[in-house]
Each structure stands twice: as C-alpha cells, then as structure tokens.
Amino acid sequence: MNDTKKAKRSTMRENTIRTRDGGTKAIRYGRRQAIALMCTECLGWEGDPKECTSPMCPLYPFRSRTMASQRAEEEETK
C-alpha cells in the first residue's frame, strides 16, 4: 500500500450518527463529509448546506460551496 492511501485512511473515522428518521447508523467518513452531515442536520434535514444563511456558524466558511458562490462572496466583502 502506498503512503497516499495510508494517509487518506488515517483521516477517516467511524462514528454513529443520527438519521433523518430519528434512528442512528454507523458510518465511516472524513472531514468534508462530517461538515456536510452537521450542516444537513442543522438545516433540519431539509436544506442544502450550500444554501446556508448563518454566517455566525463556526462551520460556515467550510460548508459546501461552488467556486462561483465563493467568488461572489469574496467580491461582496471587497
């Protein structure tokens, strides 16, 4: 096994999470998916993290965004 695969595996974690129907399930995930899961749960399982409107959230800068939306936000702050 090469070093890249070893490094990638070490960032993956297994944990039990809540599901939309109120149950739980054990899954294996990394940072990106952990952020997406937290944002989806925060939005009540209904919204898309890309449409988040809570800039005070500590995960706001890390949520899933398109490059176009990132550029638009950077232009607004200038």
N, C-alpha and C. Protein backbone atom coordinates (compact mmCIF):
# COMPACT_ATOMS: atom_id res chain seq x y z
N MET A 1 0.86 -1.18 0.00
CA MET A 1 0.00 0.00 0.00
C MET A 1 0.90 1.24 0.00
N ASN A 2 0.57 2.23 -0.83
CA ASN A 2 1.42 3.41 -0.88
C ASN A 2 1.07 4.39 0.24
N ASP A 3 1.94 5.41 0.42
CA ASP A 3 1.77 6.36 1.52
C ASP A 3 0.51 7.20 1.41
N THR A 4 0.08 7.50 0.18
CA THR A 4 -1.12 8.31 -0.02
C THR A 4 -2.35 7.61 0.54
N LYS A 5 -2.49 6.33 0.25
CA LYS A 5 -3.64 5.59 0.77
C LYS A 5 -3.59 5.50 2.28
N LYS A 6 -2.41 5.30 2.85
CA LYS A 6 -2.28 5.24 4.30
C LYS A 6 -2.71 6.56 4.94
N ALA A 7 -2.26 7.67 4.36
CA ALA A 7 -2.61 8.97 4.90
C ALA A 7 -4.11 9.21 4.79
N LYS A 8 -4.71 8.84 3.68
CA LYS A 8 -6.14 9.04 3.49
C LYS A 8 -6.94 8.20 4.48
N ARG A 9 -6.53 6.97 4.69
CA ARG A 9 -7.24 6.11 5.64
C ARG A 9 -7.19 6.65 7.05
N SER A 10 -6.07 7.26 7.43
CA SER A 10 -5.94 7.74 8.80
C SER A 10 -6.88 8.91 9.09
N THR A 11 -7.34 9.62 8.06
CA THR A 11 -8.24 10.73 8.30
C THR A 11 -9.70 10.28 8.37
N MET A 12 -9.97 9.06 7.97
CA MET A 12 -11.33 8.53 8.02
C MET A 12 -11.64 8.05 9.43
N ARG A 13 -12.84 8.34 9.88
CA ARG A 13 -13.28 7.92 11.22
C ARG A 13 -14.59 7.17 11.11
N GLU A 14 -14.83 6.30 12.05
CA GLU A 14 -16.11 5.61 12.12
C GLU A 14 -16.84 6.13 13.34
N ASN A 15 -18.11 6.45 13.17
CA ASN A 15 -18.89 7.00 14.26
C ASN A 15 -20.36 6.71 14.01
N THR A 16 -21.16 6.78 15.05
CA THR A 16 -22.60 6.60 14.93
C THR A 16 -23.23 7.98 14.82
N ILE A 17 -24.08 8.15 13.81
CA ILE A 17 -24.73 9.45 13.58
C ILE A 17 -26.24 9.29 13.61
N ARG A 18 -26.94 10.43 13.77
CA ARG A 18 -28.40 10.44 13.69
C ARG A 18 -28.82 10.42 12.23
N THR A 19 -29.98 9.83 11.99
CA THR A 19 -30.52 9.81 10.64
C THR A 19 -31.79 10.66 10.58
N ARG A 20 -32.23 10.92 9.38
CA ARG A 20 -33.41 11.75 9.16
C ARG A 20 -34.64 11.21 9.88
N ASP A 21 -34.79 9.89 9.92
CA ASP A 21 -35.99 9.29 10.52
C ASP A 21 -35.88 9.13 12.04
N GLY A 22 -34.83 9.69 12.65
CA GLY A 22 -34.69 9.65 14.09
C GLY A 22 -33.87 8.47 14.60
N GLY A 23 -33.45 7.60 13.72
CA GLY A 23 -32.63 6.46 14.12
C GLY A 23 -31.15 6.82 14.12
N THR A 24 -30.33 5.81 14.20
CA THR A 24 -28.89 6.01 14.14
C THR A 24 -28.28 4.98 13.20
N LYS A 25 -27.09 5.29 12.71
CA LYS A 25 -26.36 4.31 11.93
C LYS A 25 -24.87 4.61 12.04
N ALA A 26 -24.07 3.58 11.94
CA ALA A 26 -22.62 3.72 11.99
C ALA A 26 -22.10 3.90 10.57
N ILE A 27 -21.32 4.95 10.37
CA ILE A 27 -20.72 5.18 9.06
C ILE A 27 -19.26 5.56 9.22
N ARG A 28 -18.53 5.47 8.14
CA ARG A 28 -17.13 5.86 8.10
C ARG A 28 -17.03 7.10 7.21
N TYR A 29 -16.43 8.17 7.72
CA TYR A 29 -16.37 9.42 6.96
C TYR A 29 -15.15 10.24 7.34
N GLY A 30 -14.88 11.24 6.51
CA GLY A 30 -13.77 12.17 6.72
C GLY A 30 -14.28 13.56 7.06
N ARG A 31 -13.38 14.53 7.05
CA ARG A 31 -13.74 15.89 7.44
C ARG A 31 -14.82 16.51 6.58
N ARG A 32 -14.67 16.40 5.26
CA ARG A 32 -15.62 17.03 4.35
C ARG A 32 -17.03 16.50 4.58
N GLN A 33 -17.16 15.19 4.70
CA GLN A 33 -18.49 14.62 4.91
C GLN A 33 -19.01 14.94 6.30
N ALA A 34 -18.13 15.02 7.29
CA ALA A 34 -18.56 15.37 8.65
C ALA A 34 -19.18 16.76 8.67
N ILE A 35 -18.57 17.71 7.96
CA ILE A 35 -19.11 19.06 7.89
C ILE A 35 -20.45 19.05 7.17
N ALA A 36 -20.53 18.33 6.06
CA ALA A 36 -21.79 18.26 5.30
C ALA A 36 -22.90 17.62 6.14
N LEU A 37 -22.57 16.58 6.90
CA LEU A 37 -23.57 15.93 7.75
C LEU A 37 -24.06 16.86 8.86
N MET A 38 -23.13 17.60 9.47
CA MET A 38 -23.52 18.53 10.54
C MET A 38 -24.40 19.64 9.99
N CYS A 39 -24.03 20.18 8.84
CA CYS A 39 -24.83 21.25 8.23
C CYS A 39 -26.22 20.75 7.84
N THR A 40 -26.29 19.56 7.28
CA THR A 40 -27.57 18.99 6.88
C THR A 40 -28.47 18.80 8.09
N GLU A 41 -27.90 18.30 9.18
CA GLU A 41 -28.68 18.12 10.40
C GLU A 41 -29.14 19.47 10.96
N CYS A 42 -28.25 20.46 10.94
CA CYS A 42 -28.60 21.80 11.43
C CYS A 42 -29.75 22.40 10.64
N LEU A 43 -29.77 22.13 9.34
CA LEU A 43 -30.83 22.66 8.48
C LEU A 43 -32.11 21.83 8.56
N GLY A 44 -32.17 20.92 9.50
CA GLY A 44 -33.39 20.13 9.70
C GLY A 44 -33.60 19.07 8.64
N TRP A 45 -32.51 18.59 8.06
CA TRP A 45 -32.55 17.53 7.04
C TRP A 45 -33.24 17.96 5.76
N GLU A 46 -33.66 19.22 5.67
CA GLU A 46 -34.42 19.68 4.51
C GLU A 46 -33.59 20.50 3.54
N GLY A 47 -32.63 21.24 4.04
CA GLY A 47 -31.89 22.16 3.19
C GLY A 47 -30.57 21.61 2.68
N ASP A 48 -29.96 22.38 1.83
CA ASP A 48 -28.66 22.05 1.26
C ASP A 48 -27.63 22.95 1.93
N PRO A 49 -26.52 22.41 2.44
CA PRO A 49 -25.51 23.25 3.10
C PRO A 49 -25.03 24.42 2.23
N LYS A 50 -25.12 24.29 0.92
CA LYS A 50 -24.71 25.38 0.03
C LYS A 50 -25.60 26.60 0.19
N GLU A 51 -26.81 26.39 0.72
CA GLU A 51 -27.77 27.48 0.88
C GLU A 51 -27.83 28.01 2.32
N CYS A 52 -26.82 27.72 3.10
CA CYS A 52 -26.77 28.15 4.49
C CYS A 52 -26.78 29.67 4.59
N THR A 53 -27.56 30.20 5.54
CA THR A 53 -27.66 31.65 5.73
C THR A 53 -27.23 32.06 7.13
N SER A 54 -26.38 31.27 7.75
CA SER A 54 -25.94 31.54 9.12
C SER A 54 -24.44 31.82 9.16
N PRO A 55 -24.02 33.03 8.81
CA PRO A 55 -22.59 33.33 8.75
C PRO A 55 -21.89 33.29 10.12
N MET A 56 -22.64 33.29 11.21
CA MET A 56 -22.03 33.23 12.54
C MET A 56 -21.68 31.79 12.96
N CYS A 57 -22.11 30.81 12.17
CA CYS A 57 -21.80 29.41 12.47
C CYS A 57 -20.31 29.18 12.27
N PRO A 58 -19.65 28.45 13.18
CA PRO A 58 -18.21 28.20 13.01
C PRO A 58 -17.89 27.36 11.78
N LEU A 59 -18.85 26.61 11.27
CA LEU A 59 -18.61 25.80 10.08
C LEU A 59 -18.94 26.53 8.78
N TYR A 60 -19.50 27.74 8.88
CA TYR A 60 -19.94 28.48 7.69
C TYR A 60 -18.85 28.59 6.61
N PRO A 61 -17.61 28.92 6.97
CA PRO A 61 -16.59 29.04 5.92
C PRO A 61 -16.21 27.71 5.28
N PHE A 62 -16.58 26.60 5.90
CA PHE A 62 -16.18 25.29 5.41
C PHE A 62 -17.29 24.50 4.73
N ARG A 63 -18.48 25.06 4.67
CA ARG A 63 -19.60 24.33 4.08
C ARG A 63 -19.37 24.14 2.58
N SER A 64 -20.14 23.27 1.98
CA SER A 64 -20.00 23.01 0.55
C SER A 64 -20.46 24.22 -0.23
N ARG A 65 -19.60 24.68 -1.10
CA ARG A 65 -19.95 25.83 -1.94
C ARG A 65 -19.36 25.61 -3.33
N THR A 66 -19.97 26.24 -4.28
CA THR A 66 -19.42 26.20 -5.62
C THR A 66 -18.36 27.29 -5.73
N MET A 67 -17.48 27.17 -6.69
CA MET A 67 -16.46 28.18 -6.88
C MET A 67 -17.09 29.53 -7.22
N ALA A 68 -18.19 29.52 -7.97
CA ALA A 68 -18.86 30.77 -8.33
C ALA A 68 -19.39 31.48 -7.09
N SER A 69 -19.97 30.73 -6.15
CA SER A 69 -20.51 31.36 -4.94
C SER A 69 -19.37 31.88 -4.06
N GLN A 70 -18.23 31.18 -4.06
CA GLN A 70 -17.09 31.65 -3.28
C GLN A 70 -16.57 32.97 -3.85
N ARG A 71 -16.47 33.06 -5.18
CA ARG A 71 -16.01 34.30 -5.81
C ARG A 71 -16.98 35.44 -5.54
N ALA A 72 -18.27 35.16 -5.60
CA ALA A 72 -19.29 36.19 -5.36
C ALA A 72 -19.18 36.72 -3.94
N GLU A 73 -18.97 35.84 -2.98
CA GLU A 73 -18.84 36.27 -1.59
C GLU A 73 -17.57 37.10 -1.40
N GLU A 74 -16.49 36.72 -2.06
CA GLU A 74 -15.24 37.47 -1.95
C GLU A 74 -15.42 38.87 -2.55
N GLU A 75 -16.15 38.97 -3.65
CA GLU A 75 -16.40 40.27 -4.27
C GLU A 75 -17.26 41.16 -3.37
N GLU A 76 -18.24 40.56 -2.68
CA GLU A 76 -19.11 41.33 -1.79
C GLU A 76 -18.34 41.92 -0.62
N THR A 77 -17.33 41.21 -0.13
CA THR A 77 -16.58 41.67 1.04
C THR A 77 -15.52 42.71 0.69
N LYS A 78 -15.23 42.89 -0.60
CA LYS A 78 -14.22 43.89 -1.00
C LYS A 78 -14.78 45.27 -1.03
